[in-house]
Amino acid sequence: KCSHLRLACQTEPKPYYTSKLWWCGITLLGLGEVGNFIAYGFAPIALVAPLGCVSVIGSAFISVLFLKKTMRAADILGGTLTVTGTYLLVTFAPNVPQELTARQVQNYLVSWPFLVYSILEIIIFCILLYFYKRKSVKHIVVLLMMVALLASLTVIAVKAVASMITLSAKGKMQLTYPVFYIMIVLMATSCVFQVKFLNQAMHLYEATVVVPINFVFFTTSAIISGVIFYREFQSAALLSVFMFLFGCLLSFLGVFVIARNKKEEHLQMPFIDCGLIPGKKLTGKIQPDSRSSRYGTLNNEDNSVKSQS
């Protein structure tokens, strides 16, 4: 974002991919996603997925430093709620073994809870896809529900792949099992279609609406998939489950408070230079008329020119 703002202020705008700052941002983003991937190999899905709210807090506060945004009371309140929820998440997260072998993943794939869950998910996804394709329903809930259903498969596959790679690095080779490559294909396929529907939602709706709703849907689907597939809360106490869900609720509220009433920023040029229009020698500028969808009059006050503009 900082790179795009700097490029927009230059007299001769350059493509964003020529900016070293932009490439620095992409590199840091990639490192963050690698760390997120590795985290699934060491922690339960029910813990890693909700901790995505930390990125929302980070963007709210870092934008004050780098983008010169104004710190709002809503940012402080939302950050406090999210930090409190994060503390509860970490404290009451399920304590289950995280070294998953390929044979365990195979057993989980053919277990009856996951088979029932998969059938229900496929039915719901097909119904949503029917309304999306045949009825042209582009409602944000329909789009993000499909993203969440695909995300549940993504986190299952990501955790399996990360766990098997971690075990292989420790000397317990798991990469020779076919289920490892099946999970890689499932991870890549679900990611591609997930990005497709998420891009559609970002195109039709404001990011300040899409981000919190997508976070809630994604986190909920990830926790459900972790509970059903990896049985993460199988031996948890009732109080721990309640406090964990309460922490999730606080994180959801914090994200919504931070994103609420935050306006989208559009990069606009202050004027359009008409000096290069063939057949005209104009030194003035055409100023946008804020009360109309068309551009306003020229600096020349001639009535004929006004009418033409």
Foldseek 3Di string as FASTA:
>chain_A
DLLVVVQLPDPDRDDSVVDPVSVVVVVVVVVVVVVLLLVLLPAFLLLSLLVVLVVLLVVLVVCCVRVVDDNDPLSVLLVVLLVVLNVLQVVLFFDDDRQDAPVLLVVLCPDPLVVVVVVVLVVVLVVLVCCCPVVVDLDLCSLLLNLQSLLLLQSSLSSVLSNQVVVVVVPNHRVVDPVNVVSVVSNVVSVVVSVVSLVSSVVVDPPLVNVLVSSLSNSVSNNVSSCRRVVRCVPGDPVSVVSNVVSSVSSSVSSNSSSPPDDDDDSDDQWDDPCPPPPDHDPWTFGADPVDPDTAATPDPDPVRRVVD
